[in-house]
Amino acid sequence: LVVCEAGDVIPGDGDVVEGVASVDESAITGESAPVIRESGGDRSAVT
């Protein structure tokens, strides 16, 4: 389990198990608009 706050780079692939955050995925997708990642449901996976 790792903690990530504003400004942190997510260190590995995983699932959000607690909290909700806005994530910049442009390093992977090239899409500049941030996305929401939250625990549970279909939007918990992070890269």
ModelCIF file with pLDDT and N, C-alpha, C, O atoms, coordinates in Angstrom:
data_MODEL
#
_entry.id   MODEL 
#
_entity.id                         1 
_entity.type                       polymer 
_entity.pdbx_number_of_molecules   1 
#
_entity_poly.entity_id                      1 
_entity_poly.type                           'polypeptide(L)' 
_entity_poly.nstd_linkage                   no 
_entity_poly.nstd_monomer                   no 
_entity_poly.pdbx_seq_one_letter_code       LVVCEAGDVIPGDGDVVEGVASVDESAITGESAPVIRESGGDRSAVT 
_entity_poly.pdbx_seq_one_letter_code_can   LVVCEAGDVIPGDGDVVEGVASVDESAITGESAPVIRESGGDRSAVT 
_entity_poly.pdbx_strand_id                 A 
#
loop_
_entity_poly_seq.entity_id 
_entity_poly_seq.num 
_entity_poly_seq.mon_id 
_entity_poly_seq.hetero 
1 1  LEU n 
1 2  VAL n 
1 3  VAL n 
1 4  CYS n 
1 5  GLU n 
1 6  ALA n 
1 7  GLY n 
1 8  ASP n 
1 9  VAL n 
1 10 ILE n 
1 11 PRO n 
1 12 GLY n 
1 13 ASP n 
1 14 GLY n 
1 15 ASP n 
1 16 VAL n 
1 17 VAL n 
1 18 GLU n 
1 19 GLY n 
1 20 VAL n 
1 21 ALA n 
1 22 SER n 
1 23 VAL n 
1 24 ASP n 
1 25 GLU n 
1 26 SER n 
1 27 ALA n 
1 28 ILE n 
1 29 THR n 
1 30 GLY n 
1 31 GLU n 
1 32 SER n 
1 33 ALA n 
1 34 PRO n 
1 35 VAL n 
1 36 ILE n 
1 37 ARG n 
1 38 GLU n 
1 39 SER n 
1 40 GLY n 
1 41 GLY n 
1 42 ASP n 
1 43 ARG n 
1 44 SER n 
1 45 ALA n 
1 46 VAL n 
1 47 THR n 
#
_struct_asym.id          A 
_struct_asym.entity_id   1 
#
loop_
_ma_qa_metric.id 
_ma_qa_metric.mode 
_ma_qa_metric.name 
_ma_qa_metric.software_group_id 
_ma_qa_metric.type 
1 global pLDDT . pLDDT 
2 local  pLDDT . pLDDT 
#
_ma_qa_metric_global.metric_id      1 
_ma_qa_metric_global.metric_value   77.43 
_ma_qa_metric_global.model_id       1 
_ma_qa_metric_global.ordinal_id     1 
#
loop_
_ma_qa_metric_local.label_asym_id 
_ma_qa_metric_local.label_comp_id 
_ma_qa_metric_local.label_seq_id 
_ma_qa_metric_local.metric_id 
_ma_qa_metric_local.metric_value 
_ma_qa_metric_local.model_id 
_ma_qa_metric_local.ordinal_id 
A LEU 1  2 91.00 1 1  
A VAL 2  2 91.00 1 2  
A VAL 3  2 92.00 1 3  
A CYS 4  2 90.00 1 4  
A GLU 5  2 89.00 1 5  
A ALA 6  2 84.00 1 6  
A GLY 7  2 81.00 1 7  
A ASP 8  2 86.00 1 8  
A VAL 9  2 83.00 1 9  
A ILE 10 2 85.00 1 10 
A PRO 11 2 83.00 1 11 
A GLY 12 2 82.00 1 12 
A ASP 13 2 84.00 1 13 
A GLY 14 2 87.00 1 14 
A ASP 15 2 88.00 1 15 
A VAL 16 2 90.00 1 16 
A VAL 17 2 89.00 1 17 
A GLU 18 2 88.00 1 18 
A GLY 19 2 87.00 1 19 
A VAL 20 2 86.00 1 20 
A ALA 21 2 85.00 1 21 
A SER 22 2 81.00 1 22 
A VAL 23 2 84.00 1 23 
A ASP 24 2 78.00 1 24 
A GLU 25 2 73.00 1 25 
A SER 26 2 61.00 1 26 
A ALA 27 2 57.00 1 27 
A ILE 28 2 59.00 1 28 
A THR 29 2 55.00 1 29 
A GLY 30 2 46.00 1 30 
A GLU 31 2 50.00 1 31 
A SER 32 2 47.00 1 32 
A ALA 33 2 54.00 1 33 
A PRO 34 2 69.00 1 34 
A VAL 35 2 76.00 1 35 
A ILE 36 2 80.00 1 36 
A ARG 37 2 84.00 1 37 
A GLU 38 2 83.00 1 38 
A SER 39 2 81.00 1 39 
A GLY 40 2 73.00 1 40 
A GLY 41 2 64.00 1 41 
A ASP 42 2 63.00 1 42 
A ARG 43 2 74.00 1 43 
A SER 44 2 80.00 1 44 
A ALA 45 2 82.00 1 45 
A VAL 46 2 84.00 1 46 
A THR 47 2 80.00 1 47 
#
loop_
_atom_site.group_PDB 
_atom_site.id 
_atom_site.type_symbol 
_atom_site.label_atom_id 
_atom_site.label_alt_id 
_atom_site.label_comp_id 
_atom_site.label_asym_id 
_atom_site.label_entity_id 
_atom_site.label_seq_id 
_atom_site.pdbx_PDB_ins_code 
_atom_site.Cartn_x 
_atom_site.Cartn_y 
_atom_site.Cartn_z 
_atom_site.occupancy 
_atom_site.B_iso_or_equiv 
_atom_site.pdbx_formal_charge 
_atom_site.auth_seq_id 
_atom_site.auth_comp_id 
_atom_site.auth_asym_id 
_atom_site.auth_atom_id 
_atom_site.pdbx_PDB_model_num 
ATOM 1   N N  . LEU A 1 1  ? 0.853   -1.188 0.000   1.00 91.00 ? 1  LEU A N  1 
ATOM 2   C CA . LEU A 1 1  ? 0.000   0.000  0.000   1.00 91.00 ? 1  LEU A CA 1 
ATOM 3   C C  . LEU A 1 1  ? 0.886   1.234  0.000   1.00 91.00 ? 1  LEU A C  1 
ATOM 4   O O  . LEU A 1 1  ? 1.789   1.347  0.829   1.00 91.00 ? 1  LEU A O  1 
ATOM 5   N N  . VAL A 1 2  ? 0.640   2.159  -0.917  1.00 91.00 ? 2  VAL A N  1 
ATOM 6   C CA . VAL A 1 2  ? 1.427   3.386  -0.995  1.00 91.00 ? 2  VAL A CA 1 
ATOM 7   C C  . VAL A 1 2  ? 0.488   4.588  -0.960  1.00 91.00 ? 2  VAL A C  1 
ATOM 8   O O  . VAL A 1 2  ? -0.655  4.525  -1.414  1.00 91.00 ? 2  VAL A O  1 
ATOM 9   N N  . VAL A 1 3  ? 1.003   5.678  -0.411  1.00 92.00 ? 3  VAL A N  1 
ATOM 10  C CA . VAL A 1 3  ? 0.236   6.921  -0.309  1.00 92.00 ? 3  VAL A CA 1 
ATOM 11  C C  . VAL A 1 3  ? 0.735   7.889  -1.376  1.00 92.00 ? 3  VAL A C  1 
ATOM 12  O O  . VAL A 1 3  ? 1.941   8.069  -1.543  1.00 92.00 ? 3  VAL A O  1 
ATOM 13  N N  . CYS A 1 4  ? -0.189  8.505  -2.092  1.00 90.00 ? 4  CYS A N  1 
ATOM 14  C CA . CYS A 1 4  ? 0.159   9.516  -3.090  1.00 90.00 ? 4  CYS A CA 1 
ATOM 15  C C  . CYS A 1 4  ? -0.702  10.753 -2.866  1.00 90.00 ? 4  CYS A C  1 
ATOM 16  O O  . CYS A 1 4  ? -1.924  10.663 -2.749  1.00 90.00 ? 4  CYS A O  1 
ATOM 17  N N  . GLU A 1 5  ? -0.051  11.900 -2.810  1.00 89.00 ? 5  GLU A N  1 
ATOM 18  C CA . GLU A 1 5  ? -0.745  13.175 -2.651  1.00 89.00 ? 5  GLU A CA 1 
ATOM 19  C C  . GLU A 1 5  ? -0.432  14.071 -3.836  1.00 89.00 ? 5  GLU A C  1 
ATOM 20  O O  . GLU A 1 5  ? 0.338   13.702 -4.723  1.00 89.00 ? 5  GLU A O  1 
ATOM 21  N N  . ALA A 1 6  ? -1.037  15.252 -3.841  1.00 84.00 ? 6  ALA A N  1 
ATOM 22  C CA . ALA A 1 6  ? -0.859  16.183 -4.953  1.00 84.00 ? 6  ALA A CA 1 
ATOM 23  C C  . ALA A 1 6  ? 0.621   16.409 -5.237  1.00 84.00 ? 6  ALA A C  1 
ATOM 24  O O  . ALA A 1 6  ? 1.396   16.717 -4.332  1.00 84.00 ? 6  ALA A O  1 
ATOM 25  N N  . GLY A 1 7  ? 1.004   16.255 -6.493  1.00 81.00 ? 7  GLY A N  1 
ATOM 26  C CA . GLY A 1 7  ? 2.388   16.447 -6.910  1.00 81.00 ? 7  GLY A CA 1 
ATOM 27  C C  . GLY A 1 7  ? 3.196   15.174 -6.957  1.00 81.00 ? 7  GLY A C  1 
ATOM 28  O O  . GLY A 1 7  ? 4.290   15.167 -7.523  1.00 81.00 ? 7  GLY A O  1 
ATOM 29  N N  . ASP A 1 8  ? 2.690   14.080 -6.373  1.00 86.00 ? 8  ASP A N  1 
ATOM 30  C CA . ASP A 1 8  ? 3.427   12.812 -6.364  1.00 86.00 ? 8  ASP A CA 1 
ATOM 31  C C  . ASP A 1 8  ? 3.256   12.069 -7.682  1.00 86.00 ? 8  ASP A C  1 
ATOM 32  O O  . ASP A 1 8  ? 2.195   12.112 -8.305  1.00 86.00 ? 8  ASP A O  1 
ATOM 33  N N  . VAL A 1 9  ? 4.322   11.386 -8.094  1.00 83.00 ? 9  VAL A N  1 
ATOM 34  C CA . VAL A 1 9  ? 4.249   10.486 -9.241  1.00 83.00 ? 9  VAL A CA 1 
ATOM 35  C C  . VAL A 1 9  ? 3.874   9.103  -8.729  1.00 83.00 ? 9  VAL A C  1 
ATOM 36  O O  . VAL A 1 9  ? 4.512   8.586  -7.812  1.00 83.00 ? 9  VAL A O  1 
ATOM 37  N N  . ILE A 1 10 ? 2.856   8.507  -9.309  1.00 85.00 ? 10 ILE A N  1 
ATOM 38  C CA . ILE A 1 10 ? 2.422   7.176  -8.880  1.00 85.00 ? 10 ILE A CA 1 
ATOM 39  C C  . ILE A 1 10 ? 3.526   6.174  -9.209  1.00 85.00 ? 10 ILE A C  1 
ATOM 40  O O  . ILE A 1 10 ? 3.927   6.068  -10.368 1.00 85.00 ? 10 ILE A O  1 
ATOM 41  N N  . PRO A 1 11 ? 4.026   5.434  -8.214  1.00 83.00 ? 11 PRO A N  1 
ATOM 42  C CA . PRO A 1 11 ? 5.236   4.617  -8.412  1.00 83.00 ? 11 PRO A CA 1 
ATOM 43  C C  . PRO A 1 11 ? 5.030   3.297  -9.145  1.00 83.00 ? 11 PRO A C  1 
ATOM 44  O O  . PRO A 1 11 ? 6.005   2.683  -9.580  1.00 83.00 ? 11 PRO A O  1 
ATOM 45  N N  . GLY A 1 12 ? 3.789   2.847  -9.293  1.00 82.00 ? 12 GLY A N  1 
ATOM 46  C CA . GLY A 1 12 ? 3.571   1.566  -9.963  1.00 82.00 ? 12 GLY A CA 1 
ATOM 47  C C  . GLY A 1 12 ? 2.109   1.364  -10.279 1.00 82.00 ? 12 GLY A C  1 
ATOM 48  O O  . GLY A 1 12 ? 1.252   2.106  -9.798  1.00 82.00 ? 12 GLY A O  1 
ATOM 49  N N  . ASP A 1 13 ? 1.823   0.357  -11.090 1.00 84.00 ? 13 ASP A N  1 
ATOM 50  C CA . ASP A 1 13 ? 0.438   0.041  -11.440 1.00 84.00 ? 13 ASP A CA 1 
ATOM 51  C C  . ASP A 1 13 ? -0.300  -0.455 -10.206 1.00 84.00 ? 13 ASP A C  1 
ATOM 52  O O  . ASP A 1 13 ? 0.257   -1.193 -9.393  1.00 84.00 ? 13 ASP A O  1 
ATOM 53  N N  . GLY A 1 14 ? -1.552  -0.046 -10.073 1.00 87.00 ? 14 GLY A N  1 
ATOM 54  C CA . GLY A 1 14 ? -2.322  -0.499 -8.926  1.00 87.00 ? 14 GLY A CA 1 
ATOM 55  C C  . GLY A 1 14 ? -3.761  -0.036 -8.971  1.00 87.00 ? 14 GLY A C  1 
ATOM 56  O O  . GLY A 1 14 ? -4.235  0.476  -9.985  1.00 87.00 ? 14 GLY A O  1 
ATOM 57  N N  . ASP A 1 15 ? -4.456  -0.225 -7.844  1.00 88.00 ? 15 ASP A N  1 
ATOM 58  C CA . ASP A 1 15 ? -5.851  0.185  -7.705  1.00 88.00 ? 15 ASP A CA 1 
ATOM 59  C C  . ASP A 1 15 ? -5.981  1.107  -6.498  1.00 88.00 ? 15 ASP A C  1 
ATOM 60  O O  . ASP A 1 15 ? -5.364  0.882  -5.457  1.00 88.00 ? 15 ASP A O  1 
ATOM 61  N N  . VAL A 1 16 ? -6.797  2.150  -6.658  1.00 90.00 ? 16 VAL A N  1 
ATOM 62  C CA . VAL A 1 16 ? -7.067  3.049  -5.538  1.00 90.00 ? 16 VAL A CA 1 
ATOM 63  C C  . VAL A 1 16 ? -7.984  2.321  -4.563  1.00 90.00 ? 16 VAL A C  1 
ATOM 64  O O  . VAL A 1 16 ? -9.070  1.882  -4.942  1.00 90.00 ? 16 VAL A O  1 
ATOM 65  N N  . VAL A 1 17 ? -7.558  2.192  -3.320  1.00 89.00 ? 17 VAL A N  1 
ATOM 66  C CA . VAL A 1 17 ? -8.366  1.507  -2.307  1.00 89.00 ? 17 VAL A CA 1 
ATOM 67  C C  . VAL A 1 17 ? -8.922  2.475  -1.283  1.00 89.00 ? 17 VAL A C  1 
ATOM 68  O O  . VAL A 1 17 ? -9.752  2.105  -0.451  1.00 89.00 ? 17 VAL A O  1 
ATOM 69  N N  . GLU A 1 18 ? -8.462  3.723  -1.344  1.00 88.00 ? 18 GLU A N  1 
ATOM 70  C CA . GLU A 1 18 ? -8.977  4.717  -0.396  1.00 88.00 ? 18 GLU A CA 1 
ATOM 71  C C  . GLU A 1 18 ? -8.807  6.110  -1.002  1.00 88.00 ? 18 GLU A C  1 
ATOM 72  O O  . GLU A 1 18 ? -7.728  6.454  -1.484  1.00 88.00 ? 18 GLU A O  1 
ATOM 73  N N  . GLY A 1 19 ? -9.877  6.911  -0.975  1.00 87.00 ? 19 GLY A N  1 
ATOM 74  C CA . GLY A 1 19 ? -9.803  8.291  -1.430  1.00 87.00 ? 19 GLY A CA 1 
ATOM 75  C C  . GLY A 1 19 ? -10.164 8.473  -2.895  1.00 87.00 ? 19 GLY A C  1 
ATOM 76  O O  . GLY A 1 19 ? -10.471 7.522  -3.613  1.00 87.00 ? 19 GLY A O  1 
ATOM 77  N N  . VAL A 1 20 ? -10.114 9.730  -3.308  1.00 86.00 ? 20 VAL A N  1 
ATOM 78  C CA . VAL A 1 20 ? -10.395 10.106 -4.693  1.00 86.00 ? 20 VAL A CA 1 
ATOM 79  C C  . VAL A 1 20 ? -9.444  11.236 -5.064  1.00 86.00 ? 20 VAL A C  1 
ATOM 80  O O  . VAL A 1 20 ? -9.163  12.100 -4.233  1.00 86.00 ? 20 VAL A O  1 
ATOM 81  N N  . ALA A 1 21 ? -8.947  11.247 -6.289  1.00 85.00 ? 21 ALA A N  1 
ATOM 82  C CA . ALA A 1 21 ? -7.965  12.256 -6.695  1.00 85.00 ? 21 ALA A CA 1 
ATOM 83  C C  . ALA A 1 21 ? -8.072  12.517 -8.186  1.00 85.00 ? 21 ALA A C  1 
ATOM 84  O O  . ALA A 1 21 ? -8.564  11.688 -8.952  1.00 85.00 ? 21 ALA A O  1 
ATOM 85  N N  . SER A 1 22 ? -7.597  13.694 -8.578  1.00 81.00 ? 22 SER A N  1 
ATOM 86  C CA . SER A 1 22 ? -7.465  14.038 -9.992  1.00 81.00 ? 22 SER A CA 1 
ATOM 87  C C  . SER A 1 22 ? -6.063  13.635 -10.433 1.00 81.00 ? 22 SER A C  1 
ATOM 88  O O  . SER A 1 22 ? -5.081  13.968 -9.769  1.00 81.00 ? 22 SER A O  1 
ATOM 89  N N  . VAL A 1 23 ? -5.966  12.912 -11.560 1.00 84.00 ? 23 VAL A N  1 
ATOM 90  C CA . VAL A 1 23 ? -4.693  12.350 -12.003 1.00 84.00 ? 23 VAL A CA 1 
ATOM 91  C C  . VAL A 1 23 ? -4.378  12.821 -13.421 1.00 84.00 ? 23 VAL A C  1 
ATOM 92  O O  . VAL A 1 23 ? -5.242  12.814 -14.299 1.00 84.00 ? 23 VAL A O  1 
ATOM 93  N N  . ASP A 1 24 ? -3.132  13.228 -13.628 1.00 78.00 ? 24 ASP A N  1 
ATOM 94  C CA . ASP A 1 24 ? -2.643  13.608 -14.953 1.00 78.00 ? 24 ASP A CA 1 
ATOM 95  C C  . ASP A 1 24 ? -2.051  12.370 -15.613 1.00 78.00 ? 24 ASP A C  1 
ATOM 96  O O  . ASP A 1 24 ? -0.999  11.885 -15.195 1.00 78.00 ? 24 ASP A O  1 
ATOM 97  N N  . GLU A 1 25 ? -2.728  11.850 -16.652 1.00 73.00 ? 25 GLU A N  1 
ATOM 98  C CA . GLU A 1 25 ? -2.264  10.644 -17.344 1.00 73.00 ? 25 GLU A CA 1 
ATOM 99  C C  . GLU A 1 25 ? -1.624  10.963 -18.689 1.00 73.00 ? 25 GLU A C  1 
ATOM 100 O O  . GLU A 1 25 ? -1.459  10.076 -19.527 1.00 73.00 ? 25 GLU A O  1 
ATOM 101 N N  . SER A 1 26 ? -1.261  12.237 -18.900 1.00 61.00 ? 26 SER A N  1 
ATOM 102 C CA . SER A 1 26 ? -0.710  12.628 -20.204 1.00 61.00 ? 26 SER A CA 1 
ATOM 103 C C  . SER A 1 26 ? 0.591   11.902 -20.515 1.00 61.00 ? 26 SER A C  1 
ATOM 104 O O  . SER A 1 26 ? 0.924   11.708 -21.684 1.00 61.00 ? 26 SER A O  1 
ATOM 105 N N  . ALA A 1 27 ? 1.332   11.496 -19.484 1.00 57.00 ? 27 ALA A N  1 
ATOM 106 C CA . ALA A 1 27 ? 2.581   10.771 -19.723 1.00 57.00 ? 27 ALA A CA 1 
ATOM 107 C C  . ALA A 1 27 ? 2.329   9.428  -20.396 1.00 57.00 ? 27 ALA A C  1 
ATOM 108 O O  . ALA A 1 27 ? 3.226   8.858  -21.018 1.00 57.00 ? 27 ALA A O  1 
ATOM 109 N N  . ILE A 1 28 ? 1.098   8.924  -20.269 1.00 59.00 ? 28 ILE A N  1 
ATOM 110 C CA . ILE A 1 28 ? 0.762   7.635  -20.856 1.00 59.00 ? 28 ILE A CA 1 
ATOM 111 C C  . ILE A 1 28 ? -0.101  7.799  -22.092 1.00 59.00 ? 28 ILE A C  1 
ATOM 112 O O  . ILE A 1 28 ? 0.158   7.181  -23.124 1.00 59.00 ? 28 ILE A O  1 
ATOM 113 N N  . THR A 1 29 ? -1.142  8.642  -21.987 1.00 55.00 ? 29 THR A N  1 
ATOM 114 C CA . THR A 1 29 ? -2.108  8.747  -23.077 1.00 55.00 ? 29 THR A CA 1 
ATOM 115 C C  . THR A 1 29 ? -1.863  9.916  -24.000 1.00 55.00 ? 29 THR A C  1 
ATOM 116 O O  . THR A 1 29 ? -2.324  9.897  -25.142 1.00 55.00 ? 29 THR A O  1 
ATOM 117 N N  . GLY A 1 30 ? -1.142  10.951 -23.540 1.00 46.00 ? 30 GLY A N  1 
ATOM 118 C CA . GLY A 1 30 ? -0.965  12.143 -24.348 1.00 46.00 ? 30 GLY A CA 1 
ATOM 119 C C  . GLY A 1 30 ? -2.147  13.087 -24.241 1.00 46.00 ? 30 GLY A C  1 
ATOM 120 O O  . GLY A 1 30 ? -2.111  14.180 -24.807 1.00 46.00 ? 30 GLY A O  1 
ATOM 121 N N  . GLU A 1 31 ? -3.202  12.692 -23.524 1.00 50.00 ? 31 GLU A N  1 
ATOM 122 C CA . GLU A 1 31 ? -4.387  13.524 -23.372 1.00 50.00 ? 31 GLU A CA 1 
ATOM 123 C C  . GLU A 1 31 ? -4.185  14.441 -22.175 1.00 50.00 ? 31 GLU A C  1 
ATOM 124 O O  . GLU A 1 31 ? -3.952  13.967 -21.063 1.00 50.00 ? 31 GLU A O  1 
ATOM 125 N N  . SER A 1 32 ? -4.274  15.761 -22.391 1.00 47.00 ? 32 SER A N  1 
ATOM 126 C CA . SER A 1 32 ? -3.909  16.724 -21.351 1.00 47.00 ? 32 SER A CA 1 
ATOM 127 C C  . SER A 1 32 ? -4.950  16.831 -20.241 1.00 47.00 ? 32 SER A C  1 
ATOM 128 O O  . SER A 1 32 ? -4.597  17.177 -19.113 1.00 47.00 ? 32 SER A O  1 
ATOM 129 N N  . ALA A 1 33 ? -6.224  16.545 -20.524 1.00 54.00 ? 33 ALA A N  1 
ATOM 130 C CA . ALA A 1 33 ? -7.265  16.702 -19.515 1.00 54.00 ? 33 ALA A CA 1 
ATOM 131 C C  . ALA A 1 33 ? -7.080  15.679 -18.399 1.00 54.00 ? 33 ALA A C  1 
ATOM 132 O O  . ALA A 1 33 ? -6.914  14.492 -18.682 1.00 54.00 ? 33 ALA A O  1 
ATOM 133 N N  . PRO A 1 34 ? -7.103  16.109 -17.133 1.00 69.00 ? 34 PRO A N  1 
ATOM 134 C CA . PRO A 1 34 ? -6.954  15.166 -16.022 1.00 69.00 ? 34 PRO A CA 1 
ATOM 135 C C  . PRO A 1 34 ? -8.184  14.276 -15.897 1.00 69.00 ? 34 PRO A C  1 
ATOM 136 O O  . PRO A 1 34 ? -9.256  14.612 -16.401 1.00 69.00 ? 34 PRO A O  1 
ATOM 137 N N  . VAL A 1 35 ? -8.025  13.149 -15.228 1.00 76.00 ? 35 VAL A N  1 
ATOM 138 C CA . VAL A 1 35 ? -9.123  12.209 -15.017 1.00 76.00 ? 35 VAL A CA 1 
ATOM 139 C C  . VAL A 1 35 ? -9.275  11.957 -13.526 1.00 76.00 ? 35 VAL A C  1 
ATOM 140 O O  . VAL A 1 35 ? -8.350  12.195 -12.750 1.00 76.00 ? 35 VAL A O  1 
ATOM 141 N N  . ILE A 1 36 ? -10.444 11.478 -13.131 1.00 80.00 ? 36 ILE A N  1 
ATOM 142 C CA . ILE A 1 36 ? -10.726 11.178 -11.731 1.00 80.00 ? 36 ILE A CA 1 
ATOM 143 C C  . ILE A 1 36 ? -10.461 9.700  -11.480 1.00 80.00 ? 36 ILE A C  1 
ATOM 144 O O  . ILE A 1 36 ? -10.902 8.836  -12.238 1.00 80.00 ? 36 ILE A O  1 
ATOM 145 N N  . ARG A 1 37 ? -9.738  9.430  -10.407 1.00 84.00 ? 37 ARG A N  1 
ATOM 146 C CA . ARG A 1 37 ? -9.517  8.053  -9.986  1.00 84.00 ? 37 ARG A CA 1 
ATOM 147 C C  . ARG A 1 37 ? -9.975  7.936  -8.531  1.00 84.00 ? 37 ARG A C  1 
ATOM 148 O O  . ARG A 1 37 ? -9.595  8.741  -7.681  1.00 84.00 ? 37 ARG A O  1 
ATOM 149 N N  . GLU A 1 38 ? -10.805 6.909  -8.260  1.00 83.00 ? 38 GLU A N  1 
ATOM 150 C CA . GLU A 1 38 ? -11.385 6.767  -6.924  1.00 83.00 ? 38 GLU A CA 1 
ATOM 151 C C  . GLU A 1 38 ? -11.496 5.294  -6.566  1.00 83.00 ? 38 GLU A C  1 
ATOM 152 O O  . GLU A 1 38 ? -11.465 4.426  -7.438  1.00 83.00 ? 38 GLU A O  1 
ATOM 153 N N  . SER A 1 39 ? -11.623 5.028  -5.297  1.00 81.00 ? 39 SER A N  1 
ATOM 154 C CA . SER A 1 39 ? -11.708 3.650  -4.843  1.00 81.00 ? 39 SER A CA 1 
ATOM 155 C C  . SER A 1 39 ? -13.046 3.042  -5.249  1.00 81.00 ? 39 SER A C  1 
ATOM 156 O O  . SER A 1 39 ? -14.083 3.706  -5.233  1.00 81.00 ? 39 SER A O  1 
ATOM 157 N N  . GLY A 1 40 ? -12.995 1.757  -5.614  1.00 73.00 ? 40 GLY A N  1 
ATOM 158 C CA . GLY A 1 40 ? -14.202 1.064  -6.027  1.00 73.00 ? 40 GLY A CA 1 
ATOM 159 C C  . GLY A 1 40 ? -14.619 1.422  -7.435  1.00 73.00 ? 40 GLY A C  1 
ATOM 160 O O  . GLY A 1 40 ? -14.197 2.449  -7.968  1.00 73.00 ? 40 GLY A O  1 
ATOM 161 N N  . GLY A 1 41 ? -15.442 0.586  -8.042  1.00 64.00 ? 41 GLY A N  1 
ATOM 162 C CA . GLY A 1 41 ? -15.986 0.890  -9.356  1.00 64.00 ? 41 GLY A CA 1 
ATOM 163 C C  . GLY A 1 41 ? -14.987 0.705  -10.479 1.00 64.00 ? 41 GLY A C  1 
ATOM 164 O O  . GLY A 1 41 ? -13.984 0.004  -10.343 1.00 64.00 ? 41 GLY A O  1 
ATOM 165 N N  . ASP A 1 42 ? -15.294 1.361  -11.606 1.00 63.00 ? 42 ASP A N  1 
ATOM 166 C CA . ASP A 1 42 ? -14.513 1.170  -12.828 1.00 63.00 ? 42 ASP A CA 1 
ATOM 167 C C  . ASP A 1 42 ? -13.368 2.158  -12.975 1.00 63.00 ? 42 ASP A C  1 
ATOM 168 O O  . ASP A 1 42 ? -12.589 2.054  -13.923 1.00 63.00 ? 42 ASP A O  1 
ATOM 169 N N  . ARG A 1 43 ? -13.245 3.120  -12.055 1.00 74.00 ? 43 ARG A N  1 
ATOM 170 C CA . ARG A 1 43 ? -12.223 4.150  -12.215 1.00 74.00 ? 43 ARG A CA 1 
ATOM 171 C C  . ARG A 1 43 ? -11.203 4.100  -11.086 1.00 74.00 ? 43 ARG A C  1 
ATOM 172 O O  . ARG A 1 43 ? -10.739 5.136  -10.610 1.00 74.00 ? 43 ARG A O  1 
ATOM 173 N N  . SER A 1 44 ? -10.862 2.900  -10.666 1.00 80.00 ? 44 SER A N  1 
ATOM 174 C CA . SER A 1 44 ? -9.913  2.764  -9.562  1.00 80.00 ? 44 SER A CA 1 
ATOM 175 C C  . SER A 1 44 ? -8.497  2.449  -10.047 1.00 80.00 ? 44 SER A C  1 
ATOM 176 O O  . SER A 1 44 ? -7.537  2.625  -9.297  1.00 80.00 ? 44 SER A O  1 
ATOM 177 N N  . ALA A 1 45 ? -8.356  1.983  -11.297 1.00 82.00 ? 45 ALA A N  1 
ATOM 178 C CA . ALA A 1 45 ? -7.041  1.575  -11.793 1.00 82.00 ? 45 ALA A CA 1 
ATOM 179 C C  . ALA A 1 45 ? -6.166  2.783  -12.092 1.00 82.00 ? 45 ALA A C  1 
ATOM 180 O O  . ALA A 1 45 ? -6.621  3.743  -12.714 1.00 82.00 ? 45 ALA A O  1 
ATOM 181 N N  . VAL A 1 46 ? -4.909  2.739  -11.651 1.00 84.00 ? 46 VAL A N  1 
ATOM 182 C CA . VAL A 1 46 ? -3.934  3.794  -11.934 1.00 84.00 ? 46 VAL A CA 1 
ATOM 183 C C  . VAL A 1 46 ? -2.683  3.154  -12.529 1.00 84.00 ? 46 VAL A C  1 
ATOM 184 O O  . VAL A 1 46 ? -2.407  1.973  -12.317 1.00 84.00 ? 46 VAL A O  1 
ATOM 185 N N  . THR A 1 47 ? -1.938  3.958  -13.276 1.00 80.00 ? 47 THR A N  1 
ATOM 186 C CA . THR A 1 47 ? -0.753  3.469  -13.978 1.00 80.00 ? 47 THR A CA 1 
ATOM 187 C C  . THR A 1 47 ? 0.498   4.159  -13.463 1.00 80.00 ? 47 THR A C  1 
ATOM 188 O O  . THR A 1 47 ? 1.599   3.876  -13.937 1.00 80.00 ? 47 THR A O  1 
#
